[in-house]
Amino acid sequence: MTAGITRSYSKKAYPWDNACIESFHAIIKRKCLNEYNISSYNEAGRLVFSYIDGFYNTVRIHSHCGYISPLEFEQTYFDKVQKVNKAA
């Protein structure tokens, strides 16, 4: 099933190989997990999901979206597509 695929691993203790996900993990730890006294794995999972779904992917601005939230970026995109479709 994985024939012809080359696995890729970062070097141990070398976070620069995957800086984007390392940055994301740091944000999750700083903004979500460190602020609560978590008592279970399930509670941690709910907190992380809530943060990602309720803030990170909807409200928080992202540089790759032109410093607007992903929700605003998506709405702008769909508005443009709708205008193009109406003009066609």
PDB file of N, CA and C in Angstrom:
ATOM      1  N   MET A   1       0.805  -1.187   0.000  1.00  0.00           N
ATOM      2  CA  MET A   1       0.000   0.000   0.000  1.00  0.00           C
ATOM      3  C   MET A   1       0.861   1.270   0.000  1.00  0.00           C
ATOM      4  N   THR A   2       2.047   1.218   0.591  1.00  0.00           N
ATOM      5  CA  THR A   2       2.912   2.404   0.617  1.00  0.00           C
ATOM      6  C   THR A   2       4.121   2.230  -0.298  1.00  0.00           C
ATOM      7  N   ALA A   3       4.039   1.333  -1.245  1.00  0.00           N
ATOM      8  CA  ALA A   3       5.151   1.115  -2.169  1.00  0.00           C
ATOM      9  C   ALA A   3       5.453   2.394  -2.938  1.00  0.00           C
ATOM     10  N   GLY A   4       6.728   2.729  -3.027  1.00  0.00           N
ATOM     11  CA  GLY A   4       7.137   3.904  -3.776  1.00  0.00           C
ATOM     12  C   GLY A   4       7.074   5.204  -2.993  1.00  0.00           C
ATOM     13  N   ILE A   5       6.674   5.132  -1.728  1.00  0.00           N
ATOM     14  CA  ILE A   5       6.595   6.334  -0.892  1.00  0.00           C
ATOM     15  C   ILE A   5       7.809   6.370   0.026  1.00  0.00           C
ATOM     16  N   THR A   6       8.468   7.503   0.070  1.00  0.00           N
ATOM     17  CA  THR A   6       9.621   7.673   0.945  1.00  0.00           C
ATOM     18  C   THR A   6       9.182   8.373   2.216  1.00  0.00           C
ATOM     19  N   ARG A   7       9.479   7.770   3.355  1.00  0.00           N
ATOM     20  CA  ARG A   7       9.132   8.380   4.631  1.00  0.00           C
ATOM     21  C   ARG A   7      10.104   9.505   4.937  1.00  0.00           C
ATOM     22  N   SER A   8       9.605  10.506   5.600  1.00  0.00           N
ATOM     23  CA  SER A   8      10.427  11.647   5.953  1.00  0.00           C
ATOM     24  C   SER A   8      10.262  11.931   7.436  1.00  0.00           C
ATOM     25  N   TYR A   9      11.366  12.031   8.132  1.00  0.00           N
ATOM     26  CA  TYR A   9      11.337  12.330   9.559  1.00  0.00           C
ATOM     27  C   TYR A   9      12.242  13.514   9.848  1.00  0.00           C
ATOM     28  N   SER A  10      11.825  14.318  10.804  1.00  0.00           N
ATOM     29  CA  SER A  10      12.676  15.406  11.265  1.00  0.00           C
ATOM     30  C   SER A  10      13.787  14.816  12.129  1.00  0.00           C
ATOM     31  N   LYS A  11      14.887  15.562  12.190  1.00  0.00           N
ATOM     32  CA  LYS A  11      15.958  15.150  13.081  1.00  0.00           C
ATOM     33  C   LYS A  11      15.507  15.347  14.524  1.00  0.00           C
ATOM     34  N   LYS A  12      15.970  14.513  15.420  1.00  0.00           N
ATOM     35  CA  LYS A  12      15.631  14.630  16.826  1.00  0.00           C
ATOM     36  C   LYS A  12      16.088  15.992  17.353  1.00  0.00           C
ATOM     37  N   ALA A  13      15.187  16.641  18.101  1.00  0.00           N
ATOM     38  CA  ALA A  13      15.461  17.948  18.720  1.00  0.00           C
ATOM     39  C   ALA A  13      15.800  19.021  17.683  1.00  0.00           C
ATOM     40  N   TYR A  14      15.185  18.943  16.516  1.00  0.00           N
ATOM     41  CA  TYR A  14      15.418  19.912  15.446  1.00  0.00           C
ATOM     42  C   TYR A  14      14.064  20.393  14.925  1.00  0.00           C
ATOM     43  N   PRO A  15      13.386  21.289  15.663  1.00  0.00           N
ATOM     44  CA  PRO A  15      12.020  21.682  15.309  1.00  0.00           C
ATOM     45  C   PRO A  15      11.909  22.504  14.034  1.00  0.00           C
ATOM     46  N   TRP A  16      13.006  23.030  13.521  1.00  0.00           N
ATOM     47  CA  TRP A  16      12.954  23.877  12.329  1.00  0.00           C
ATOM     48  C   TRP A  16      12.569  23.097  11.078  1.00  0.00           C
ATOM     49  N   ASP A  17      12.658  21.775  11.108  1.00  0.00           N
ATOM     50  CA  ASP A  17      12.228  20.966   9.968  1.00  0.00           C
ATOM     51  C   ASP A  17      10.728  21.100   9.737  1.00  0.00           C
ATOM     52  N   ASN A  18       9.997  21.389  10.777  1.00  0.00           N
ATOM     53  CA  ASN A  18       8.548  21.503  10.654  1.00  0.00           C
ATOM     54  C   ASN A  18       8.069  22.679  11.497  1.00  0.00           C
ATOM     55  N   ALA A  19       8.551  23.857  11.161  1.00  0.00           N
ATOM     56  CA  ALA A  19       8.311  25.054  11.971  1.00  0.00           C
ATOM     57  C   ALA A  19       6.833  25.398  12.088  1.00  0.00           C
ATOM     58  N   CYS A  20       6.054  25.186  11.036  1.00  0.00           N
ATOM     59  CA  CYS A  20       4.631  25.561  11.078  1.00  0.00           C
ATOM     60  C   CYS A  20       3.887  24.777  12.149  1.00  0.00           C
ATOM     61  N   ILE A  21       4.065  23.469  12.181  1.00  0.00           N
ATOM     62  CA  ILE A  21       3.333  22.666  13.167  1.00  0.00           C
ATOM     63  C   ILE A  21       3.906  22.877  14.559  1.00  0.00           C
ATOM     64  N   GLU A  22       5.201  23.125  14.667  1.00  0.00           N
ATOM     65  CA  GLU A  22       5.788  23.437  15.975  1.00  0.00           C
ATOM     66  C   GLU A  22       5.188  24.728  16.519  1.00  0.00           C
ATOM     67  N   SER A  23       5.006  25.718  15.673  1.00  0.00           N
ATOM     68  CA  SER A  23       4.390  26.974  16.074  1.00  0.00           C
ATOM     69  C   SER A  23       2.946  26.749  16.517  1.00  0.00           C
ATOM     70  N   PHE A  24       2.217  25.947  15.762  1.00  0.00           N
ATOM     71  CA  PHE A  24       0.837  25.623  16.107  1.00  0.00           C
ATOM     72  C   PHE A  24       0.764  24.934  17.465  1.00  0.00           C
ATOM     73  N   HIS A  25       1.647  23.967  17.699  1.00  0.00           N
ATOM     74  CA  HIS A  25       1.664  23.271  18.988  1.00  0.00           C
ATOM     75  C   HIS A  25       1.947  24.237  20.127  1.00  0.00           C
ATOM     76  N   ALA A  26       2.858  25.170  19.908  1.00  0.00           N
ATOM     77  CA  ALA A  26       3.177  26.169  20.936  1.00  0.00           C
ATOM     78  C   ALA A  26       1.957  27.033  21.246  1.00  0.00           C
ATOM     79  N   ILE A  27       1.204  27.414  20.217  1.00  0.00           N
ATOM     80  CA  ILE A  27      -0.001  28.216  20.418  1.00  0.00           C
ATOM     81  C   ILE A  27      -1.027  27.432  21.227  1.00  0.00           C
ATOM     82  N   ILE A  28      -1.229  26.166  20.876  1.00  0.00           N
ATOM     83  CA  ILE A  28      -2.189  25.325  21.602  1.00  0.00           C
ATOM     84  C   ILE A  28      -1.793  25.232  23.076  1.00  0.00           C
ATOM     85  N   LYS A  29      -0.516  24.991  23.334  1.00  0.00           N
ATOM     86  CA  LYS A  29      -0.054  24.886  24.721  1.00  0.00           C
ATOM     87  C   LYS A  29      -0.252  26.198  25.467  1.00  0.00           C
ATOM     88  N   ARG A  30       0.128  27.295  24.851  1.00  0.00           N
ATOM     89  CA  ARG A  30       0.094  28.600  25.515  1.00  0.00           C
ATOM     90  C   ARG A  30      -1.333  29.108  25.709  1.00  0.00           C
ATOM     91  N   LYS A  31      -2.158  29.002  24.693  1.00  0.00           N
ATOM     92  CA  LYS A  31      -3.491  29.612  24.723  1.00  0.00           C
ATOM     93  C   LYS A  31      -4.588  28.696  25.231  1.00  0.00           C
ATOM     94  N   CYS A  32      -4.327  27.423  25.300  1.00  0.00           N
ATOM     95  CA  CYS A  32      -5.399  26.495  25.659  1.00  0.00           C
ATOM     96  C   CYS A  32      -5.010  25.616  26.837  1.00  0.00           C
ATOM     97  N   LEU A  33      -4.029  24.787  26.674  1.00  0.00           N
ATOM     98  CA  LEU A  33      -3.734  23.771  27.680  1.00  0.00           C
ATOM     99  C   LEU A  33      -3.139  24.329  28.959  1.00  0.00           C
ATOM    100  N   ASN A  34      -2.305  25.359  28.877  1.00  0.00           N
ATOM    101  CA  ASN A  34      -1.674  25.902  30.083  1.00  0.00           C
ATOM    102  C   ASN A  34      -2.630  26.726  30.938  1.00  0.00           C
ATOM    103  N   GLU A  35      -3.772  27.100  30.406  1.00  0.00           N
ATOM    104  CA  GLU A  35      -4.711  27.938  31.144  1.00  0.00           C
ATOM    105  C   GLU A  35      -5.703  27.138  31.984  1.00  0.00           C
ATOM    106  N   TYR A  36      -5.716  25.832  31.853  1.00  0.00           N
ATOM    107  CA  TYR A  36      -6.696  25.012  32.544  1.00  0.00           C
ATOM    108  C   TYR A  36      -6.017  23.915  33.357  1.00  0.00           C
ATOM    109  N   ASN A  37      -6.648  23.515  34.425  1.00  0.00           N
ATOM    110  CA  ASN A  37      -6.198  22.376  35.211  1.00  0.00           C
ATOM    111  C   ASN A  37      -6.905  21.146  34.647  1.00  0.00           C
ATOM    112  N   ILE A  38      -6.283  20.487  33.728  1.00  0.00           N
ATOM    113  CA  ILE A  38      -6.899  19.383  32.982  1.00  0.00           C
ATOM    114  C   ILE A  38      -6.796  18.096  33.784  1.00  0.00           C
ATOM    115  N   SER A  39      -7.910  17.401  33.899  1.00  0.00           N
ATOM    116  CA  SER A  39      -7.934  16.194  34.728  1.00  0.00           C
ATOM    117  C   SER A  39      -7.990  14.890  33.937  1.00  0.00           C
ATOM    118  N   SER A  40      -8.199  14.976  32.628  1.00  0.00           N
ATOM    119  CA  SER A  40      -8.270  13.740  31.844  1.00  0.00           C
ATOM    120  C   SER A  40      -7.883  13.988  30.382  1.00  0.00           C
ATOM    121  N   TYR A  41      -7.568  12.920  29.708  1.00  0.00           N
ATOM    122  CA  TYR A  41      -7.248  12.974  28.283  1.00  0.00           C
ATOM    123  C   TYR A  41      -8.454  13.483  27.489  1.00  0.00           C
ATOM    124  N   ASN A  42      -9.643  13.014  27.840  1.00  0.00           N
ATOM    125  CA  ASN A  42     -10.851  13.445  27.136  1.00  0.00           C
ATOM    126  C   ASN A  42     -11.111  14.936  27.316  1.00  0.00           C
ATOM    127  N   GLU A  43     -10.884  15.444  28.525  1.00  0.00           N
ATOM    128  CA  GLU A  43     -11.059  16.873  28.769  1.00  0.00           C
ATOM    129  C   GLU A  43     -10.071  17.686  27.930  1.00  0.00           C
ATOM    130  N   ALA A  44      -8.826  17.225  27.857  1.00  0.00           N
ATOM    131  CA  ALA A  44      -7.820  17.898  27.029  1.00  0.00           C
ATOM    132  C   ALA A  44      -8.252  17.900  25.570  1.00  0.00           C
ATOM    133  N   GLY A  45      -8.752  16.790  25.100  1.00  0.00           N
ATOM    134  CA  GLY A  45      -9.227  16.697  23.721  1.00  0.00           C
ATOM    135  C   GLY A  45     -10.356  17.665  23.439  1.00  0.00           C
ATOM    136  N   ARG A  46     -11.295  17.768  24.365  1.00  0.00           N
ATOM    137  CA  ARG A  46     -12.420  18.700  24.189  1.00  0.00           C
ATOM    138  C   ARG A  46     -11.935  20.144  24.176  1.00  0.00           C
ATOM    139  N   LEU A  47     -10.989  20.472  25.074  1.00  0.00           N
ATOM    140  CA  LEU A  47     -10.459  21.836  25.117  1.00  0.00           C
ATOM    141  C   LEU A  47      -9.738  22.203  23.824  1.00  0.00           C
ATOM    142  N   VAL A  48      -8.916  21.286  23.333  1.00  0.00           N
ATOM    143  CA  VAL A  48      -8.172  21.549  22.093  1.00  0.00           C
ATOM    144  C   VAL A  48      -9.144  21.691  20.926  1.00  0.00           C
ATOM    145  N   PHE A  49     -10.110  20.795  20.833  1.00  0.00           N
ATOM    146  CA  PHE A  49     -11.094  20.888  19.756  1.00  0.00           C
ATOM    147  C   PHE A  49     -11.858  22.203  19.828  1.00  0.00           C
ATOM    148  N   SER A  50     -12.286  22.562  21.027  1.00  0.00           N
ATOM    149  CA  SER A  50     -13.034  23.799  21.213  1.00  0.00           C
ATOM    150  C   SER A  50     -12.202  25.010  20.800  1.00  0.00           C
ATOM    151  N   TYR A  51     -10.925  25.026  21.165  1.00  0.00           N
ATOM    152  CA  TYR A  51     -10.054  26.146  20.805  1.00  0.00           C
ATOM    153  C   TYR A  51      -9.868  26.222  19.291  1.00  0.00           C
ATOM    154  N   ILE A  52      -9.595  25.094  18.667  1.00  0.00           N
ATOM    155  CA  ILE A  52      -9.351  25.078  17.223  1.00  0.00           C
ATOM    156  C   ILE A  52     -10.619  25.450  16.459  1.00  0.00           C
ATOM    157  N   ASP A  53     -11.722  24.807  16.803  1.00  0.00           N
ATOM    158  CA  ASP A  53     -12.967  25.022  16.070  1.00  0.00           C
ATOM    159  C   ASP A  53     -13.627  26.354  16.413  1.00  0.00           C
ATOM    160  N   GLY A  54     -13.500  26.782  17.660  1.00  0.00           N
ATOM    161  CA  GLY A  54     -14.198  27.981  18.095  1.00  0.00           C
ATOM    162  C   GLY A  54     -13.405  29.268  17.985  1.00  0.00           C
ATOM    163  N   PHE A  55     -12.081  29.175  17.828  1.00  0.00           N
ATOM    164  CA  PHE A  55     -11.282  30.396  17.750  1.00  0.00           C
ATOM    165  C   PHE A  55     -10.223  30.335  16.656  1.00  0.00           C
ATOM    166  N   TYR A  56      -9.348  29.334  16.693  1.00  0.00           N
ATOM    167  CA  TYR A  56      -8.194  29.300  15.795  1.00  0.00           C
ATOM    168  C   TYR A  56      -8.603  29.302  14.325  1.00  0.00           C
ATOM    169  N   ASN A  57      -9.568  28.492  13.973  1.00  0.00           N
ATOM    170  CA  ASN A  57      -9.972  28.382  12.562  1.00  0.00           C
ATOM    171  C   ASN A  57     -11.099  29.328  12.171  1.00  0.00           C
ATOM    172  N   THR A  58     -11.572  30.135  13.106  1.00  0.00           N
ATOM    173  CA  THR A  58     -12.690  31.011  12.771  1.00  0.00           C
ATOM    174  C   THR A  58     -12.404  32.482  13.061  1.00  0.00           C
ATOM    175  N   VAL A  59     -11.873  32.801  14.213  1.00  0.00           N
ATOM    176  CA  VAL A  59     -11.720  34.182  14.656  1.00  0.00           C
ATOM    177  C   VAL A  59     -10.293  34.699  14.522  1.00  0.00           C
ATOM    178  N   ARG A  60      -9.317  33.904  14.905  1.00  0.00           N
ATOM    179  CA  ARG A  60      -7.915  34.332  14.933  1.00  0.00           C
ATOM    180  C   ARG A  60      -7.436  34.689  13.533  1.00  0.00           C
ATOM    181  N   ILE A  61      -6.753  35.847  13.403  1.00  0.00           N
ATOM    182  CA  ILE A  61      -6.244  36.226  12.084  1.00  0.00           C
ATOM    183  C   ILE A  61      -5.028  35.373  11.730  1.00  0.00           C
ATOM    184  N   HIS A  62      -4.844  35.127  10.447  1.00  0.00           N
ATOM    185  CA  HIS A  62      -3.739  34.320   9.946  1.00  0.00           C
ATOM    186  C   HIS A  62      -3.016  35.100   8.846  1.00  0.00           C
ATOM    187  N   SER A  63      -1.714  35.075   8.872  1.00  0.00           N
ATOM    188  CA  SER A  63      -0.945  35.819   7.872  1.00  0.00           C
ATOM    189  C   SER A  63      -1.205  35.300   6.463  1.00  0.00           C
ATOM    190  N   HIS A  64      -1.362  33.982   6.302  1.00  0.00           N
ATOM    191  CA  HIS A  64      -1.578  33.447   4.956  1.00  0.00           C
ATOM    192  C   HIS A  64      -2.961  33.783   4.398  1.00  0.00           C
ATOM    193  N   CYS A  65      -3.840  34.306   5.237  1.00  0.00           N
ATOM    194  CA  CYS A  65      -5.174  34.734   4.785  1.00  0.00           C
ATOM    195  C   CYS A  65      -5.231  36.246   4.588  1.00  0.00           C
ATOM    196  N   GLY A  66      -4.068  36.892   4.562  1.00  0.00           N
ATOM    197  CA  GLY A  66      -4.062  38.342   4.407  1.00  0.00           C
ATOM    198  C   GLY A  66      -4.417  39.060   5.701  1.00  0.00           C
ATOM    199  N   TYR A  67      -4.100  38.429   6.817  1.00  0.00           N
ATOM    200  CA  TYR A  67      -4.357  38.988   8.147  1.00  0.00           C
ATOM    201  C   TYR A  67      -5.836  39.219   8.428  1.00  0.00           C
ATOM    202  N   ILE A  68      -6.635  38.270   7.963  1.00  0.00           N
ATOM    203  CA  ILE A  68      -8.038  38.192   8.351  1.00  0.00           C
ATOM    204  C   ILE A  68      -8.274  36.772   8.851  1.00  0.00           C
ATOM    205  N   SER A  69      -9.418  36.539   9.460  1.00  0.00           N
ATOM    206  CA  SER A  69      -9.706  35.202   9.974  1.00  0.00           C
ATOM    207  C   SER A  69     -10.006  34.248   8.818  1.00  0.00           C
ATOM    208  N   PRO A  70      -9.780  32.955   9.015  1.00  0.00           N
ATOM    209  CA  PRO A  70     -10.134  31.990   7.971  1.00  0.00           C
ATOM    210  C   PRO A  70     -11.609  32.054   7.585  1.00  0.00           C
ATOM    211  N   LEU A  71     -12.459  32.338   8.555  1.00  0.00           N
ATOM    212  CA  LEU A  71     -13.885  32.454   8.262  1.00  0.00           C
ATOM    213  C   LEU A  71     -14.161  33.622   7.315  1.00  0.00           C
ATOM    214  N   GLU A  72     -13.531  34.772   7.590  1.00  0.00           N
ATOM    215  CA  GLU A  72     -13.683  35.932   6.697  1.00  0.00           C
ATOM    216  C   GLU A  72     -13.086  35.644   5.320  1.00  0.00           C
ATOM    217  N   PHE A  73     -11.932  34.991   5.298  1.00  0.00           N
ATOM    218  CA  PHE A  73     -11.270  34.644   4.040  1.00  0.00           C
ATOM    219  C   PHE A  73     -12.165  33.756   3.182  1.00  0.00           C
ATOM    220  N   GLU A  74     -12.756  32.752   3.831  1.00  0.00           N
ATOM    221  CA  GLU A  74     -13.644  31.831   3.116  1.00  0.00           C
ATOM    222  C   GLU A  74     -14.874  32.562   2.586  1.00  0.00           C
ATOM    223  N   GLN A  75     -15.449  33.427   3.396  1.00  0.00           N
ATOM    224  CA  GLN A  75     -16.634  34.165   2.962  1.00  0.00           C
ATOM    225  C   GLN A  75     -16.306  35.076   1.786  1.00  0.00           C
ATOM    226  N   THR A  76     -15.158  35.755   1.838  1.00  0.00           N
ATOM    227  CA  THR A  76     -14.717  36.614   0.739  1.00  0.00           C
ATOM    228  C   THR A  76     -14.541  35.798  -0.540  1.00  0.00           C
ATOM    229  N   TYR A  77     -13.941  34.625  -0.406  1.00  0.00           N
ATOM    230  CA  TYR A  77     -13.739  33.746  -1.560  1.00  0.00           C
ATOM    231  C   TYR A  77     -15.083  33.351  -2.186  1.00  0.00           C
ATOM    232  N   PHE A  78     -16.013  32.897  -1.354  1.00  0.00           N
ATOM    233  CA  PHE A  78     -17.310  32.471  -1.882  1.00  0.00           C
ATOM    234  C   PHE A  78     -18.096  33.638  -2.480  1.00  0.00           C
ATOM    235  N   ASP A  79     -17.950  34.820  -1.909  1.00  0.00           N
ATOM    236  CA  ASP A  79     -18.591  36.006  -2.500  1.00  0.00           C
ATOM    237  C   ASP A  79     -18.041  36.275  -3.896  1.00  0.00           C
ATOM    238  N   LYS A  80     -16.715  36.163  -4.064  1.00  0.00           N
ATOM    239  CA  LYS A  80     -16.097  36.368  -5.382  1.00  0.00           C
ATOM    240  C   LYS A  80     -16.560  35.319  -6.375  1.00  0.00           C
ATOM    241  N   VAL A  81     -16.621  34.070  -5.949  1.00  0.00           N
ATOM    242  CA  VAL A  81     -17.077  32.989  -6.835  1.00  0.00           C
ATOM    243  C   VAL A  81     -18.521  33.226  -7.253  1.00  0.00           C
ATOM    244  N   GLN A  82     -19.336  33.643  -6.310  1.00  0.00           N
ATOM    245  CA  GLN A  82     -20.740  33.902  -6.625  1.00  0.00           C
ATOM    246  C   GLN A  82     -20.879  35.036  -7.637  1.00  0.00           C
ATOM    247  N   LYS A  83     -20.085  36.091  -7.498  1.00  0.00           N
ATOM    248  CA  LYS A  83     -20.134  37.201  -8.447  1.00  0.00           C
ATOM    249  C   LYS A  83     -19.705  36.750  -9.846  1.00  0.00           C
ATOM    250  N   VAL A  84     -18.661  35.927  -9.902  1.00  0.00           N
ATOM    251  CA  VAL A  84     -18.192  35.409 -11.190  1.00  0.00           C
ATOM    252  C   VAL A  84     -19.263  34.537 -11.842  1.00  0.00           C
ATOM    253  N   ASN A  85     -19.902  33.700 -11.047  1.00  0.00           N
ATOM    254  CA  ASN A  85     -20.958  32.820 -11.582  1.00  0.00           C
ATOM    255  C   ASN A  85     -22.158  33.620 -12.071  1.00  0.00           C
ATOM    256  N   LYS A  86     -22.511  34.692 -11.380  1.00  0.00           N
ATOM    257  CA  LYS A  86     -23.633  35.533 -11.811  1.00  0.00           C
ATOM    258  C   LYS A  86     -23.303  36.277 -13.096  1.00  0.00           C
ATOM    259  N   ALA A  87     -22.045  36.681 -13.243  1.00  0.00           N
ATOM    260  CA  ALA A  87     -21.622  37.415 -14.441  1.00  0.00           C
ATOM    261  C   ALA A  87     -21.532  36.525 -15.659  1.00  0.00           C
ATOM    262  N   ALA A  88     -21.357  35.234 -15.441  1.00  0.00           N
ATOM    263  CA  ALA A  88     -21.185  34.308 -16.577  1.00  0.00           C
ATOM    264  C   ALA A  88     -22.466  33.922 -17.246  1.00  0.00           C
TER     265      ALA A  88
END
